[in-house]
Amino acid sequence: MKIDKKSLKRVVKVILNKVPKEETALIKISDDLTLIQEIYRKDKNFRNFILNPSAPYETKKGIIESLSEKANLDPVVKEALEYIVKTNKGNLLKVIADEFRFEVEKFFATVKGEIITAYPIDEETVNDVKTVVEKKLGKKVEFEIRQDPSIIGGIIVKAGSYILDSSIKTYLQKLEQQLTAF
């Protein structure tokens, strides 16, 4: 079933307009939406029930209220879920947390990034990389650090659409392509 992007953006904008623009509130909303998205993706019975157009709205609303109570969902998230279910747009739950995070990042002009190295790196190196990438992108970047021994050495930096791959693994792959091209 195709995602109605217009409805998705509208729901996310309404959520953003109803929530204070402070970090703790936005993190709580993001966590709640991620929980709902994970339940939707992993629990086939929940997903089928939410998507079933012949299931009465009142029954779906009861499930949402129960879930909201058990998971201590923010009232704004509960209201959004009820709207989504009432308008039979249940498939929005598959991507709602991702879209919300994207909009929050856009609002605060921040980008999620990733630094991949073969070995642990110190905080000073991370800060140096962060400074260079933030200057290049003109946005604040929040990096997740990950180790991947398969890259042998070097570093891979990803932030938004920006990718810098100076790993030894990639260098060797390019070298192999050049040598076998003849």
N, C-alpha and C. Protein backbone atom coordinates (compact mmCIF):
# COMPACT_ATOMS: atom_id res chain seq x y z
N MET A 1 0.84 -1.18 0.00
CA MET A 1 0.00 0.00 0.00
C MET A 1 0.89 1.24 0.00
N LYS A 2 0.60 2.17 -0.88
CA LYS A 2 1.41 3.36 -1.06
C LYS A 2 1.18 4.36 0.09
N ILE A 3 2.27 5.00 0.52
CA ILE A 3 2.19 6.00 1.58
C ILE A 3 1.68 7.32 1.00
N ASP A 4 0.67 7.89 1.65
CA ASP A 4 0.13 9.19 1.26
C ASP A 4 1.03 10.26 1.89
N LYS A 5 2.01 10.73 1.12
CA LYS A 5 3.02 11.65 1.66
C LYS A 5 2.41 12.98 2.12
N LYS A 6 1.37 13.42 1.45
CA LYS A 6 0.71 14.65 1.85
C LYS A 6 0.12 14.52 3.25
N SER A 7 -0.57 13.41 3.49
CA SER A 7 -1.15 13.18 4.81
C SER A 7 -0.06 13.01 5.86
N LEU A 8 1.00 12.29 5.50
CA LEU A 8 2.11 12.07 6.42
C LEU A 8 2.71 13.41 6.86
N LYS A 9 2.99 14.27 5.91
CA LYS A 9 3.57 15.57 6.23
C LYS A 9 2.60 16.42 7.07
N ARG A 10 1.32 16.35 6.75
CA ARG A 10 0.32 17.11 7.50
C ARG A 10 0.27 16.65 8.95
N VAL A 11 0.25 15.33 9.18
CA VAL A 11 0.19 14.80 10.54
C VAL A 11 1.44 15.21 11.32
N VAL A 12 2.61 15.09 10.70
CA VAL A 12 3.86 15.45 11.37
C VAL A 12 3.88 16.94 11.68
N LYS A 13 3.43 17.78 10.75
CA LYS A 13 3.39 19.23 11.00
C LYS A 13 2.47 19.57 12.16
N VAL A 14 1.31 18.90 12.23
CA VAL A 14 0.37 19.14 13.34
C VAL A 14 1.03 18.75 14.66
N ILE A 15 1.69 17.60 14.68
CA ILE A 15 2.39 17.17 15.91
C ILE A 15 3.43 18.22 16.31
N LEU A 16 4.23 18.66 15.35
CA LEU A 16 5.27 19.66 15.65
C LEU A 16 4.67 20.97 16.16
N ASN A 17 3.52 21.37 15.63
CA ASN A 17 2.89 22.62 16.06
C ASN A 17 2.29 22.53 17.46
N LYS A 18 1.96 21.32 17.91
CA LYS A 18 1.33 21.14 19.21
C LYS A 18 2.33 20.89 20.33
N VAL A 19 3.59 20.68 19.97
CA VAL A 19 4.61 20.32 20.96
C VAL A 19 5.57 21.49 21.15
N PRO A 20 5.98 21.75 22.40
CA PRO A 20 6.99 22.81 22.61
C PRO A 20 8.28 22.47 21.86
N LYS A 21 8.93 23.47 21.34
CA LYS A 21 10.17 23.25 20.56
C LYS A 21 11.37 23.17 21.49
N GLU A 22 11.30 22.25 22.43
CA GLU A 22 12.42 22.04 23.33
C GLU A 22 12.86 20.58 23.22
N GLU A 23 14.12 20.37 23.46
CA GLU A 23 14.73 19.07 23.21
C GLU A 23 14.03 17.91 23.92
N THR A 24 13.73 18.06 25.21
CA THR A 24 13.14 16.94 25.96
C THR A 24 11.77 16.56 25.41
N ALA A 25 10.95 17.56 25.07
CA ALA A 25 9.62 17.27 24.52
C ALA A 25 9.73 16.58 23.17
N LEU A 26 10.62 17.07 22.33
CA LEU A 26 10.78 16.49 20.99
C LEU A 26 11.36 15.08 21.06
N ILE A 27 12.26 14.83 22.00
CA ILE A 27 12.82 13.49 22.16
C ILE A 27 11.73 12.52 22.62
N LYS A 28 10.87 12.96 23.55
CA LYS A 28 9.77 12.10 24.03
C LYS A 28 8.83 11.75 22.87
N ILE A 29 8.46 12.73 22.07
CA ILE A 29 7.58 12.49 20.93
C ILE A 29 8.26 11.53 19.94
N SER A 30 9.52 11.79 19.66
CA SER A 30 10.28 10.95 18.73
C SER A 30 10.35 9.51 19.23
N ASP A 31 10.62 9.34 20.52
CA ASP A 31 10.68 7.98 21.11
C ASP A 31 9.33 7.29 21.02
N ASP A 32 8.25 8.03 21.31
CA ASP A 32 6.91 7.45 21.22
C ASP A 32 6.57 7.02 19.80
N LEU A 33 6.88 7.89 18.84
CA LEU A 33 6.60 7.56 17.44
C LEU A 33 7.46 6.39 16.96
N THR A 34 8.70 6.31 17.43
CA THR A 34 9.57 5.19 17.08
C THR A 34 8.99 3.89 17.63
N LEU A 35 8.48 3.93 18.86
CA LEU A 35 7.86 2.75 19.45
C LEU A 35 6.67 2.29 18.61
N ILE A 36 5.81 3.21 18.24
CA ILE A 36 4.63 2.89 17.43
C ILE A 36 5.07 2.33 16.08
N GLN A 37 6.06 2.96 15.46
CA GLN A 37 6.56 2.50 14.17
C GLN A 37 7.11 1.08 14.27
N GLU A 38 7.85 0.79 15.34
CA GLU A 38 8.42 -0.55 15.53
C GLU A 38 7.32 -1.58 15.74
N ILE A 39 6.32 -1.24 16.54
CA ILE A 39 5.19 -2.17 16.76
C ILE A 39 4.50 -2.44 15.44
N TYR A 40 4.26 -1.39 14.68
CA TYR A 40 3.59 -1.52 13.38
C TYR A 40 4.39 -2.43 12.44
N ARG A 41 5.70 -2.24 12.41
CA ARG A 41 6.54 -3.02 11.50
C ARG A 41 6.69 -4.47 11.95
N LYS A 42 6.78 -4.70 13.25
CA LYS A 42 7.10 -6.05 13.74
C LYS A 42 5.88 -6.90 14.11
N ASP A 43 4.78 -6.27 14.50
CA ASP A 43 3.61 -7.04 14.95
C ASP A 43 2.57 -7.10 13.84
N LYS A 44 2.54 -8.24 13.17
CA LYS A 44 1.65 -8.44 12.02
C LYS A 44 0.17 -8.29 12.42
N ASN A 45 -0.20 -8.81 13.60
CA ASN A 45 -1.59 -8.72 14.05
C ASN A 45 -2.02 -7.27 14.27
N PHE A 46 -1.15 -6.50 14.91
CA PHE A 46 -1.43 -5.07 15.13
C PHE A 46 -1.59 -4.36 13.79
N ARG A 47 -0.63 -4.59 12.90
CA ARG A 47 -0.64 -3.94 11.58
C ARG A 47 -1.91 -4.29 10.81
N ASN A 48 -2.25 -5.58 10.76
CA ASN A 48 -3.45 -6.01 10.02
C ASN A 48 -4.72 -5.43 10.62
N PHE A 49 -4.76 -5.36 11.96
CA PHE A 49 -5.94 -4.80 12.63
C PHE A 49 -6.08 -3.31 12.30
N ILE A 50 -4.98 -2.57 12.39
CA ILE A 50 -5.02 -1.13 12.10
C ILE A 50 -5.41 -0.88 10.64
N LEU A 51 -4.91 -1.71 9.73
CA LEU A 51 -5.19 -1.51 8.31
C LEU A 51 -6.55 -2.04 7.86
N ASN A 52 -7.19 -2.85 8.70
CA ASN A 52 -8.46 -3.47 8.33
C ASN A 52 -9.58 -2.41 8.29
N PRO A 53 -10.08 -2.10 7.10
CA PRO A 53 -11.11 -1.06 7.00
C PRO A 53 -12.46 -1.49 7.58
N SER A 54 -12.66 -2.79 7.73
CA SER A 54 -13.95 -3.24 8.27
C SER A 54 -13.96 -3.30 9.80
N ALA A 55 -12.81 -3.16 10.44
CA ALA A 55 -12.76 -3.12 11.90
C ALA A 55 -13.32 -1.78 12.36
N PRO A 56 -14.23 -1.80 13.34
CA PRO A 56 -14.85 -0.54 13.78
C PRO A 56 -13.82 0.42 14.41
N TYR A 57 -14.04 1.70 14.15
CA TYR A 57 -13.13 2.73 14.68
C TYR A 57 -13.08 2.69 16.20
N GLU A 58 -14.22 2.48 16.84
CA GLU A 58 -14.25 2.47 18.31
C GLU A 58 -13.36 1.37 18.88
N THR A 59 -13.31 0.22 18.22
CA THR A 59 -12.44 -0.88 18.67
C THR A 59 -10.98 -0.49 18.49
N LYS A 60 -10.66 0.11 17.35
CA LYS A 60 -9.28 0.56 17.10
C LYS A 60 -8.89 1.63 18.12
N LYS A 61 -9.83 2.53 18.41
CA LYS A 61 -9.56 3.60 19.38
C LYS A 61 -9.28 2.99 20.76
N GLY A 62 -10.01 1.94 21.12
CA GLY A 62 -9.78 1.26 22.39
C GLY A 62 -8.38 0.66 22.46
N ILE A 63 -7.93 0.07 21.36
CA ILE A 63 -6.57 -0.50 21.30
C ILE A 63 -5.54 0.62 21.47
N ILE A 64 -5.77 1.75 20.80
CA ILE A 64 -4.85 2.88 20.90
C ILE A 64 -4.80 3.40 22.34
N GLU A 65 -5.96 3.51 22.98
CA GLU A 65 -5.99 3.99 24.36
C GLU A 65 -5.25 3.03 25.28
N SER A 66 -5.46 1.74 25.08
CA SER A 66 -4.75 0.74 25.88
C SER A 66 -3.24 0.83 25.67
N LEU A 67 -2.84 0.91 24.42
CA LEU A 67 -1.41 1.03 24.07
C LEU A 67 -0.83 2.32 24.66
N SER A 68 -1.59 3.39 24.56
CA SER A 68 -1.16 4.69 25.06
C SER A 68 -0.93 4.64 26.57
N GLU A 69 -1.83 3.98 27.26
CA GLU A 69 -1.73 3.85 28.71
C GLU A 69 -0.52 3.01 29.10
N LYS A 70 -0.37 1.85 28.46
CA LYS A 70 0.73 0.93 28.79
C LYS A 70 2.09 1.52 28.46
N ALA A 71 2.19 2.24 27.34
CA ALA A 71 3.47 2.78 26.88
C ALA A 71 3.69 4.22 27.35
N ASN A 72 2.70 4.78 28.07
CA ASN A 72 2.79 6.16 28.55
C ASN A 72 3.08 7.13 27.40
N LEU A 73 2.29 7.00 26.33
CA LEU A 73 2.47 7.85 25.15
C LEU A 73 2.06 9.29 25.45
N ASP A 74 2.73 10.21 24.83
CA ASP A 74 2.39 11.62 24.93
C ASP A 74 0.98 11.80 24.35
N PRO A 75 0.14 12.65 24.98
CA PRO A 75 -1.23 12.88 24.47
C PRO A 75 -1.28 13.32 23.01
N VAL A 76 -0.29 14.08 22.56
CA VAL A 76 -0.25 14.53 21.17
C VAL A 76 -0.06 13.33 20.23
N VAL A 77 0.78 12.37 20.64
CA VAL A 77 0.99 11.16 19.83
C VAL A 77 -0.29 10.34 19.79
N LYS A 78 -0.94 10.20 20.93
CA LYS A 78 -2.21 9.46 21.00
C LYS A 78 -3.25 10.09 20.07
N GLU A 79 -3.34 11.41 20.13
CA GLU A 79 -4.29 12.14 19.27
C GLU A 79 -3.97 11.91 17.79
N ALA A 80 -2.69 11.94 17.45
CA ALA A 80 -2.28 11.71 16.06
C ALA A 80 -2.62 10.29 15.62
N LEU A 81 -2.39 9.33 16.50
CA LEU A 81 -2.73 7.94 16.17
C LEU A 81 -4.23 7.78 15.93
N GLU A 82 -5.02 8.40 16.78
CA GLU A 82 -6.47 8.32 16.61
C GLU A 82 -6.91 8.93 15.28
N TYR A 83 -6.30 10.05 14.92
CA TYR A 83 -6.62 10.69 13.64
C TYR A 83 -6.24 9.79 12.47
N ILE A 84 -5.03 9.21 12.54
CA ILE A 84 -4.54 8.33 11.47
C ILE A 84 -5.48 7.15 11.29
N VAL A 85 -5.89 6.55 12.39
CA VAL A 85 -6.77 5.38 12.33
C VAL A 85 -8.16 5.79 11.84
N LYS A 86 -8.66 6.92 12.33
CA LYS A 86 -10.00 7.38 11.94
C LYS A 86 -10.09 7.67 10.44
N THR A 87 -9.00 8.18 9.86
CA THR A 87 -8.99 8.51 8.44
C THR A 87 -8.49 7.35 7.57
N ASN A 88 -8.35 6.18 8.16
CA ASN A 88 -7.88 4.98 7.46
C ASN A 88 -6.54 5.19 6.74
N LYS A 89 -5.61 5.84 7.42
CA LYS A 89 -4.27 6.07 6.89
C LYS A 89 -3.24 5.32 7.74
N GLY A 90 -3.60 4.13 8.22
CA GLY A 90 -2.76 3.34 9.11
C GLY A 90 -1.37 3.06 8.60
N ASN A 91 -1.21 2.98 7.28
CA ASN A 91 0.12 2.69 6.73
C ASN A 91 1.12 3.83 6.97
N LEU A 92 0.65 5.00 7.41
CA LEU A 92 1.56 6.09 7.76
C LEU A 92 2.43 5.70 8.96
N LEU A 93 1.93 4.78 9.78
CA LEU A 93 2.69 4.37 10.96
C LEU A 93 4.00 3.70 10.60
N LYS A 94 4.09 3.20 9.37
CA LYS A 94 5.31 2.53 8.91
C LYS A 94 6.50 3.49 8.85
N VAL A 95 6.24 4.78 8.62
CA VAL A 95 7.33 5.74 8.41
C VAL A 95 7.21 7.02 9.23
N ILE A 96 6.22 7.09 10.12
CA ILE A 96 5.95 8.36 10.80
C ILE A 96 7.11 8.83 11.66
N ALA A 97 7.80 7.93 12.35
CA ALA A 97 8.92 8.33 13.21
C ALA A 97 10.07 8.87 12.36
N ASP A 98 10.33 8.24 11.24
CA ASP A 98 11.40 8.70 10.35
C ASP A 98 11.10 10.11 9.83
N GLU A 99 9.87 10.33 9.43
CA GLU A 99 9.47 11.64 8.91
C GLU A 99 9.54 12.70 10.01
N PHE A 100 9.11 12.34 11.22
CA PHE A 100 9.17 13.28 12.34
C PHE A 100 10.61 13.69 12.63
N ARG A 101 11.51 12.71 12.69
CA ARG A 101 12.93 13.02 12.94
C ARG A 101 13.49 13.92 11.84
N PHE A 102 13.13 13.64 10.59
CA PHE A 102 13.58 14.45 9.47
C PHE A 102 13.14 15.91 9.63
N GLU A 103 11.87 16.10 9.99
CA GLU A 103 11.34 17.45 10.15
C GLU A 103 11.98 18.18 11.33
N VAL A 104 12.24 17.47 12.42
CA VAL A 104 12.90 18.07 13.58
C VAL A 104 14.32 18.49 13.21
N GLU A 105 15.03 17.61 12.50
CA GLU A 105 16.39 17.94 12.06
C GLU A 105 16.37 19.16 11.15
N LYS A 106 15.39 19.22 10.27
CA LYS A 106 15.27 20.35 9.36
C LYS A 106 14.98 21.63 10.16
N PHE A 107 14.10 21.53 11.15
CA PHE A 107 13.73 22.67 11.98
C PHE A 107 14.94 23.23 12.73
N PHE A 108 15.72 22.34 13.30
CA PHE A 108 16.89 22.76 14.07
C PHE A 108 18.15 22.84 13.22
N ALA A 109 18.02 22.59 11.94
CA ALA A 109 19.16 22.61 11.01
C ALA A 109 20.27 21.69 11.49
N THR A 110 19.87 20.49 11.94
CA THR A 110 20.86 19.49 12.35
C THR A 110 20.75 18.29 11.43
N VAL A 111 21.84 17.58 11.33
CA VAL A 111 21.89 16.39 10.48
C VAL A 111 22.47 15.26 11.32
N LYS A 112 21.91 14.08 11.16
CA LYS A 112 22.49 12.89 11.79
C LYS A 112 23.63 12.42 10.91
N GLY A 113 24.72 12.04 11.56
CA GLY A 113 25.87 11.57 10.82
C GLY A 113 26.47 10.34 11.45
N GLU A 114 27.42 9.78 10.75
CA GLU A 114 28.06 8.55 11.21
C GLU A 114 29.54 8.61 10.85
N ILE A 115 30.36 8.24 11.81
CA ILE A 115 31.79 8.11 11.57
C ILE A 115 32.13 6.64 11.77
N ILE A 116 32.70 6.03 10.73
CA ILE A 116 33.05 4.61 10.79
C ILE A 116 34.56 4.49 10.70
N THR A 117 35.14 3.79 11.66
CA THR A 117 36.58 3.56 11.67
C THR A 117 36.85 2.09 11.96
N ALA A 118 38.05 1.65 11.62
CA ALA A 118 38.43 0.27 11.91
C ALA A 118 38.81 0.12 13.38
N TYR A 119 39.29 1.19 13.97
CA TYR A 119 39.77 1.17 15.35
C TYR A 119 39.15 2.31 16.12
N PRO A 120 39.16 2.24 17.45
CA PRO A 120 38.62 3.36 18.25
C PRO A 120 39.36 4.67 17.96
N ILE A 121 38.60 5.77 17.98
CA ILE A 121 39.24 7.08 17.78
C ILE A 121 38.95 7.94 19.00
N ASP A 122 39.83 8.91 19.24
CA ASP A 122 39.67 9.75 20.43
C ASP A 122 38.69 10.89 20.17
N GLU A 123 38.26 11.51 21.23
CA GLU A 123 37.26 12.58 21.17
C GLU A 123 37.76 13.78 20.38
N GLU A 124 39.05 14.06 20.47
CA GLU A 124 39.64 15.19 19.74
C GLU A 124 39.49 15.00 18.23
N THR A 125 39.75 13.78 17.74
CA THR A 125 39.62 13.49 16.31
C THR A 125 38.16 13.62 15.88
N VAL A 126 37.25 13.11 16.70
CA VAL A 126 35.81 13.23 16.40
C VAL A 126 35.43 14.71 16.29
N ASN A 127 35.89 15.52 17.23
CA ASN A 127 35.58 16.96 17.21
C ASN A 127 36.16 17.65 15.98
N ASP A 128 37.38 17.24 15.58
CA ASP A 128 38.00 17.81 14.37
C ASP A 128 37.16 17.48 13.14
N VAL A 129 36.76 16.23 13.01
CA VAL A 129 35.94 15.80 11.88
C VAL A 129 34.61 16.56 11.90
N LYS A 130 34.01 16.65 13.08
CA LYS A 130 32.73 17.34 13.23
C LYS A 130 32.83 18.80 12.79
N THR A 131 33.89 19.48 13.20
CA THR A 131 34.10 20.88 12.83
C THR A 131 34.19 21.05 11.32
N VAL A 132 34.97 20.19 10.67
CA VAL A 132 35.15 20.28 9.22
C VAL A 132 33.83 20.02 8.49
N VAL A 133 33.12 18.96 8.89
CA VAL A 133 31.87 18.59 8.21
C VAL A 133 30.80 19.66 8.44
N GLU A 134 30.69 20.18 9.66
CA GLU A 134 29.70 21.22 9.94
C GLU A 134 29.99 22.48 9.11
N LYS A 135 31.25 22.81 8.96
CA LYS A 135 31.63 23.97 8.16
C LYS A 135 31.25 23.74 6.69
N LYS A 136 31.51 22.53 6.19
CA LYS A 136 31.22 22.20 4.79
C LYS A 136 29.71 22.21 4.53
N LEU A 137 28.92 21.64 5.45
CA LEU A 137 27.47 21.53 5.26
C LEU A 137 26.71 22.78 5.68
N GLY A 138 27.29 23.56 6.59
CA GLY A 138 26.58 24.73 7.10
C GLY A 138 25.47 24.35 8.06
N LYS A 139 25.56 23.17 8.65
CA LYS A 139 24.56 22.67 9.60
C LYS A 139 25.27 21.99 10.75
N LYS A 140 24.55 21.90 11.86
CA LYS A 140 25.06 21.17 13.02
C LYS A 140 24.92 19.68 12.74
N VAL A 141 25.93 18.91 13.08
CA VAL A 141 25.92 17.47 12.82
C VAL A 141 26.08 16.72 14.13
N GLU A 142 25.23 15.73 14.33
CA GLU A 142 25.33 14.85 15.49
C GLU A 142 25.83 13.50 14.98
N PHE A 143 27.04 13.15 15.39
CA PHE A 143 27.66 11.92 14.89
C PHE A 143 27.45 10.74 15.81
N GLU A 144 27.25 9.59 15.18
CA GLU A 144 27.26 8.30 15.86
C GLU A 144 28.59 7.66 15.43
N ILE A 145 29.34 7.16 16.38
CA ILE A 145 30.64 6.55 16.09
C ILE A 145 30.46 5.04 16.04
N ARG A 146 31.01 4.44 14.98
CA ARG A 146 30.87 2.99 14.82
C ARG A 146 32.20 2.41 14.36
N GLN A 147 32.50 1.22 14.86
CA GLN A 147 33.71 0.52 14.44
C GLN A 147 33.35 -0.60 13.48
N ASP A 148 34.13 -0.71 12.41
CA ASP A 148 33.95 -1.77 11.43
C ASP A 148 35.33 -2.22 10.98
N PRO A 149 35.84 -3.31 11.57
CA PRO A 149 37.19 -3.78 11.25
C PRO A 149 37.37 -4.13 9.76
N SER A 150 36.28 -4.38 9.05
CA SER A 150 36.40 -4.77 7.64
C SER A 150 36.93 -3.65 6.76
N ILE A 151 36.90 -2.38 7.24
CA ILE A 151 37.43 -1.30 6.40
C ILE A 151 38.95 -1.20 6.50
N ILE A 152 39.55 -2.02 7.33
CA ILE A 152 41.00 -2.18 7.50
C ILE A 152 41.64 -0.97 8.18
N GLY A 153 41.41 0.21 7.67
CA GLY A 153 41.97 1.43 8.23
C GLY A 153 41.32 2.61 7.57
N GLY A 154 41.69 3.81 7.97
CA GLY A 154 41.09 5.00 7.40
C GLY A 154 39.79 5.35 8.10
N ILE A 155 38.94 6.11 7.41
CA ILE A 155 37.70 6.60 8.01
C ILE A 155 36.63 6.77 6.93
N ILE A 156 35.39 6.55 7.33
CA ILE A 156 34.23 6.84 6.48
C ILE A 156 33.36 7.81 7.26
N VAL A 157 33.02 8.93 6.65
CA VAL A 157 32.17 9.94 7.29
C VAL A 157 30.92 10.11 6.44
N LYS A 158 29.76 9.96 7.09
CA LYS A 158 28.48 10.16 6.41
C LYS A 158 27.68 11.18 7.20
N ALA A 159 27.14 12.17 6.52
CA ALA A 159 26.29 13.18 7.15
C ALA A 159 25.33 13.70 6.09
N GLY A 160 24.07 13.36 6.23
CA GLY A 160 23.09 13.75 5.21
C GLY A 160 23.47 13.11 3.89
N SER A 161 23.62 13.92 2.85
CA SER A 161 24.00 13.39 1.54
C SER A 161 25.52 13.43 1.34
N TYR A 162 26.24 13.95 2.33
CA TYR A 162 27.69 14.05 2.26
C TYR A 162 28.33 12.74 2.69
N ILE A 163 29.18 12.17 1.85
CA ILE A 163 29.89 10.93 2.18
C ILE A 163 31.36 11.11 1.81
N LEU A 164 32.22 10.83 2.76
CA LEU A 164 33.66 10.84 2.53
C LEU A 164 34.16 9.46 2.92
N ASP A 165 34.65 8.72 1.94
CA ASP A 165 35.14 7.37 2.20
C ASP A 165 36.63 7.32 1.89
N SER A 166 37.44 7.37 2.93
CA SER A 166 38.89 7.26 2.75
C SER A 166 39.40 6.02 3.47
N SER A 167 38.61 4.95 3.35
CA SER A 167 39.00 3.69 3.99
C SER A 167 39.97 2.93 3.09
N ILE A 168 40.77 2.14 3.71
CA ILE A 168 41.73 1.31 2.96
C ILE A 168 40.97 0.29 2.11
N LYS A 169 39.90 -0.22 2.62
CA LYS A 169 39.09 -1.20 1.88
C LYS A 169 38.63 -0.61 0.54
N THR A 170 38.09 0.60 0.56
CA THR A 170 37.63 1.25 -0.67
C THR A 170 38.80 1.54 -1.60
N TYR A 171 39.91 2.00 -1.03
CA TYR A 171 41.10 2.26 -1.83
C TYR A 171 41.55 1.00 -2.56
N LEU A 172 41.56 -0.14 -1.85
CA LEU A 172 41.98 -1.40 -2.46
C LEU A 172 40.99 -1.86 -3.54
N GLN A 173 39.72 -1.63 -3.32
CA GLN A 173 38.71 -1.99 -4.32
C GLN A 173 38.89 -1.16 -5.59
N LYS A 174 39.14 0.12 -5.43
CA LYS A 174 39.37 0.99 -6.60
C LYS A 174 40.64 0.59 -7.33
N LEU A 175 41.67 0.27 -6.58
CA LEU A 175 42.93 -0.17 -7.17
C LEU A 175 42.72 -1.46 -7.96
N GLU A 176 41.96 -2.39 -7.40
CA GLU A 176 41.67 -3.64 -8.09
C GLU A 176 40.92 -3.38 -9.40
N GLN A 177 39.95 -2.47 -9.37
CA GLN A 177 39.19 -2.14 -10.58
C GLN A 177 40.11 -1.55 -11.65
N GLN A 178 41.02 -0.70 -11.24
CA GLN A 178 41.95 -0.09 -12.20
C GLN A 178 42.87 -1.13 -12.82
N LEU A 179 43.36 -2.04 -11.98
CA LEU A 179 44.29 -3.06 -12.47
C LEU A 179 43.63 -4.09 -13.36
N THR A 180 42.39 -4.40 -13.10
CA THR A 180 41.68 -5.40 -13.91
C THR A 180 41.00 -4.80 -15.12
N ALA A 181 41.03 -3.47 -15.24
CA ALA A 181 40.39 -2.81 -16.38
C ALA A 181 41.18 -2.97 -17.67
N PHE A 182 42.42 -3.38 -17.57
CA PHE A 182 43.27 -3.48 -18.78
C PHE A 182 43.15 -4.82 -19.44
